[in-house]
C-alpha atoms as a PDB file:
ATOM      1  CA  MET A   1      11.446 160.864  95.340  1.00  0.00           C
ATOM      2  CA  SER A   2      15.149 160.814  94.458  1.00  0.00           C
ATOM      3  CA  LYS A   3      16.125 160.306  98.119  1.00  0.00           C
ATOM      4  CA  ARG A   4      14.110 157.181  98.349  1.00  0.00           C
ATOM      5  CA  PHE A   5      15.580 155.859  95.101  1.00  0.00           C
ATOM      6  CA  PHE A   6      19.196 156.426  96.375  1.00  0.00           C
ATOM      7  CA  ALA A   7      18.412 154.978  99.733  1.00  0.00           C
ATOM      8  CA  GLY A   8      16.951 151.842  98.137  1.00  0.00           C
ATOM      9  CA  ALA A   9      19.876 151.400  95.844  1.00  0.00           C
ATOM     10  CA  ALA A  10      22.321 151.841  98.690  1.00  0.00           C
ATOM     11  CA  LEU A  11      20.409 149.282 100.853  1.00  0.00           C
ATOM     12  CA  THR A  12      20.262 146.814  97.870  1.00  0.00           C
ATOM     13  CA  ALA A  13      24.134 147.214  97.315  1.00  0.00           C
ATOM     14  CA  LEU A  14      24.784 146.725 100.953  1.00  0.00           C
ATOM     15  CA  LEU A  15      22.636 143.578 101.172  1.00  0.00           C
ATOM     16  CA  ALA A  16      24.297 142.177  97.963  1.00  0.00           C
ATOM     17  CA  LEU A  17      27.788 142.844  99.379  1.00  0.00           C
ATOM     18  CA  SER A  18      26.931 141.264 102.763  1.00  0.00           C
ATOM     19  CA  GLY A  19      25.725 138.050 101.064  1.00  0.00           C
ATOM     20  CA  LEU A  20      22.004 138.333 102.224  1.00  0.00           C
ATOM     21  CA  ILE A  21      20.831 138.363  98.569  1.00  0.00           C
ATOM     22  CA  PRO A  22      21.463 135.045  96.886  1.00  0.00           C
ATOM     23  CA  SER A  23      23.793 135.208  93.969  1.00  0.00           C
ATOM     24  CA  SER A  24      25.026 132.564  91.423  1.00  0.00           C
ATOM     25  CA  ALA A  25      28.103 130.679  92.727  1.00  0.00           C
ATOM     26  CA  LEU A  26      31.223 131.185  90.747  1.00  0.00           C
ATOM     27  CA  ALA A  27      33.130 128.204  89.532  1.00  0.00           C
ATOM     28  CA  GLN A  28      36.323 127.509  91.452  1.00  0.00           C
ATOM     29  CA  SER A  29      39.587 127.434  89.495  1.00  0.00           C
ATOM     30  CA  GLY A  30      41.693 124.294  89.575  1.00  0.00           C
ATOM     31  CA  VAL A  31      44.516 123.869  92.059  1.00  0.00           C
ATOM     32  CA  TYR A  32      47.728 125.489  90.758  1.00  0.00           C
ATOM     33  CA  ASN A  33      50.801 123.223  90.426  1.00  0.00           C
ATOM     34  CA  TRP A  34      54.235 124.879  90.802  1.00  0.00           C
ATOM     35  CA  THR A  35      56.143 122.005  89.338  1.00  0.00           C
ATOM     36  CA  GLY A  36      58.208 122.830  86.280  1.00  0.00           C
ATOM     37  CA  PHE A  37      61.123 124.778  84.820  1.00  0.00           C
ATOM     38  CA  TYR A  38      61.278 128.608  84.616  1.00  0.00           C
ATOM     39  CA  ALA A  39      63.541 131.276  83.265  1.00  0.00           C
ATOM     40  CA  GLY A  40      63.596 135.108  83.624  1.00  0.00           C
ATOM     41  CA  LEU A  41      65.512 138.248  83.213  1.00  0.00           C
ATOM     42  CA  HIS A  42      65.955 141.291  85.409  1.00  0.00           C
ATOM     43  CA  ALA A  43      67.354 144.777  84.802  1.00  0.00           C
ATOM     44  CA  GLY A  44      67.405 148.115  86.469  1.00  0.00           C
ATOM     45  CA  GLY A  45      69.251 151.393  86.647  1.00  0.00           C
ATOM     46  CA  ALA A  46      70.517 153.876  89.237  1.00  0.00           C
ATOM     47  CA  TRP A  47      71.038 157.580  89.038  1.00  0.00           C
ATOM     48  CA  GLY A  48      71.203 160.396  91.505  1.00  0.00           C
ATOM     49  CA  GLU A  49      72.708 163.734  92.415  1.00  0.00           C
ATOM     50  CA  THR A  50      72.913 165.476  95.737  1.00  0.00           C
ATOM     51  CA  LYS A  51      74.225 168.794  97.002  1.00  0.00           C
ATOM     52  CA  GLY A  52      74.872 169.902 100.478  1.00  0.00           C
ATOM     53  CA  SER A  53      77.261 171.908 102.623  1.00  0.00           C
ATOM     54  CA  ASP A  54      79.674 171.168 105.308  1.00  0.00           C
ATOM     55  CA  THR A  55      78.526 172.061 108.817  1.00  0.00           C
ATOM     56  CA  PHE A  56      81.725 173.708 109.888  1.00  0.00           C
ATOM     57  CA  ASP A  57      81.720 177.322 111.192  1.00  0.00           C
ATOM     58  CA  PHE A  58      84.235 178.751 108.695  1.00  0.00           C
ATOM     59  CA  PRO A  59      82.935 179.402 105.129  1.00  0.00           C
ATOM     60  CA  THR A  60      82.513 176.277 103.034  1.00  0.00           C
ATOM     61  CA  GLU A  61      81.624 175.405  99.522  1.00  0.00           C
ATOM     62  CA  ILE A  62      78.758 173.234  98.477  1.00  0.00           C
ATOM     63  CA  THR A  63      79.567 169.570  98.140  1.00  0.00           C
ATOM     64  CA  GLN A  64      78.199 167.546  95.247  1.00  0.00           C
ATOM     65  CA  GLN A  65      77.838 163.852  94.581  1.00  0.00           C
ATOM     66  CA  ARG A  66      76.611 162.033  91.494  1.00  0.00           C
ATOM     67  CA  LEU A  67      76.107 158.427  90.423  1.00  0.00           C
ATOM     68  CA  HIS A  68      74.693 156.661  87.351  1.00  0.00           C
ATOM     69  CA  GLY A  69      74.621 153.104  85.862  1.00  0.00           C
ATOM     70  CA  ALA A  70      72.769 150.024  85.106  1.00  0.00           C
ATOM     71  CA  PHE A  71      72.639 146.421  86.064  1.00  0.00           C
ATOM     72  CA  GLY A  72      70.959 143.224  84.801  1.00  0.00           C
ATOM     73  CA  GLY A  73      70.994 139.458  84.843  1.00  0.00           C
ATOM     74  CA  ALA A  74      69.178 136.235  84.296  1.00  0.00           C
ATOM     75  CA  GLN A  75      67.839 133.233  86.327  1.00  0.00           C
ATOM     76  CA  VAL A  76      66.807 129.716  85.516  1.00  0.00           C
ATOM     77  CA  GLY A  77      65.440 127.068  87.798  1.00  0.00           C
ATOM     78  CA  TYR A  78      63.172 124.039  88.502  1.00  0.00           C
ATOM     79  CA  ASN A  79      60.547 123.690  91.173  1.00  0.00           C
ATOM     80  CA  TYR A  80      58.771 120.533  92.360  1.00  0.00           C
ATOM     81  CA  GLN A  81      55.521 120.674  94.367  1.00  0.00           C
ATOM     82  CA  PHE A  82      54.624 117.935  96.916  1.00  0.00           C
ATOM     83  CA  GLY A  83      51.220 118.702  98.353  1.00  0.00           C
ATOM     84  CA  ARG A  84      51.496 122.112  99.978  1.00  0.00           C
ATOM     85  CA  ALA A  85      55.280 122.270  99.869  1.00  0.00           C
ATOM     86  CA  VAL A  86      57.469 123.476  96.966  1.00  0.00           C
ATOM     87  CA  TRP A  87      61.115 122.537  96.628  1.00  0.00           C
ATOM     88  CA  GLY A  88      63.389 123.887  93.907  1.00  0.00           C
ATOM     89  CA  ALA A  89      66.843 124.861  92.701  1.00  0.00           C
ATOM     90  CA  GLU A  90      67.770 128.074  90.940  1.00  0.00           C
ATOM     91  CA  LEU A  91      70.878 129.336  89.094  1.00  0.00           C
ATOM     92  CA  SER A  92      71.152 133.063  88.767  1.00  0.00           C
ATOM     93  CA  GLY A  93      73.692 135.709  87.801  1.00  0.00           C
ATOM     94  CA  SER A  94      73.847 139.455  87.660  1.00  0.00           C
ATOM     95  CA  TYR A  95      76.174 142.209  86.520  1.00  0.00           C
ATOM     96  CA  GLY A  96      76.098 145.873  87.326  1.00  0.00           C
ATOM     97  CA  GLN A  97      78.107 148.894  86.435  1.00  0.00           C
ATOM     98  CA  ILE A  98      77.166 151.873  88.630  1.00  0.00           C
ATOM     99  CA  ASN A  99      79.740 154.750  88.881  1.00  0.00           C
ATOM    100  CA  GLY A 100      79.728 157.733  91.085  1.00  0.00           C
ATOM    101  CA  SER A 101      81.895 160.634  92.072  1.00  0.00           C
ATOM    102  CA  GLY A 102      81.731 163.371  94.576  1.00  0.00           C
ATOM    103  CA  ASP A 103      83.472 166.179  96.420  1.00  0.00           C
ATOM    104  CA  CYS A 104      83.589 166.555 100.125  1.00  0.00           C
ATOM    105  CA  MET A 105      85.177 169.094 102.500  1.00  0.00           C
ATOM    106  CA  THR A 106      86.045 171.615  99.789  1.00  0.00           C
ATOM    107  CA  THR A 107      86.573 174.953 101.433  1.00  0.00           C
ATOM    108  CA  ARG A 108      87.253 178.546 100.385  1.00  0.00           C
ATOM    109  CA  GLY A 109      90.562 179.885 101.562  1.00  0.00           C
ATOM    110  CA  PHE A 110      91.501 176.752 103.422  1.00  0.00           C
ATOM    111  CA  SER A 111      93.817 174.087 102.220  1.00  0.00           C
ATOM    112  CA  PRO A 112      92.163 170.639 102.995  1.00  0.00           C
ATOM    113  CA  SER A 113      90.192 169.234 100.066  1.00  0.00           C
ATOM    114  CA  ALA A 114      89.113 165.724  99.213  1.00  0.00           C
ATOM    115  CA  SER A 115      87.280 164.017  96.351  1.00  0.00           C
ATOM    116  CA  ALA A 116      86.328 160.444  95.695  1.00  0.00           C
ATOM    117  CA  THR A 117      85.338 158.281  92.722  1.00  0.00           C
ATOM    118  CA  ILE A 118      83.319 155.138  93.235  1.00  0.00           C
ATOM    119  CA  ASN A 119      83.375 152.207  90.693  1.00  0.00           C
END
């Protein structure tokens, strides 16, 4: 009995999804108009750390790089819609401060060494 019930329910769902069973029509929403002013803010951040080793044959130390920081900004604009086309102008600005530092080519018992700081 339960197999017939589930088979009937599955068939009804399939017919309803395929549109063979009539359903009430949904009202269509109005046409959207993009004309007008807008303003917004944006923000984000960055952070990371990585470790690795040089691929030279002589013994090397592990290299390490780190970075962190944040950025943000604002935008303001105006759009005008003509039919299916939208024209607009926008003024935006952003600022970020992401700093990083790292070591590379540090070796044991060998003189070359380099490090870098990124601002």
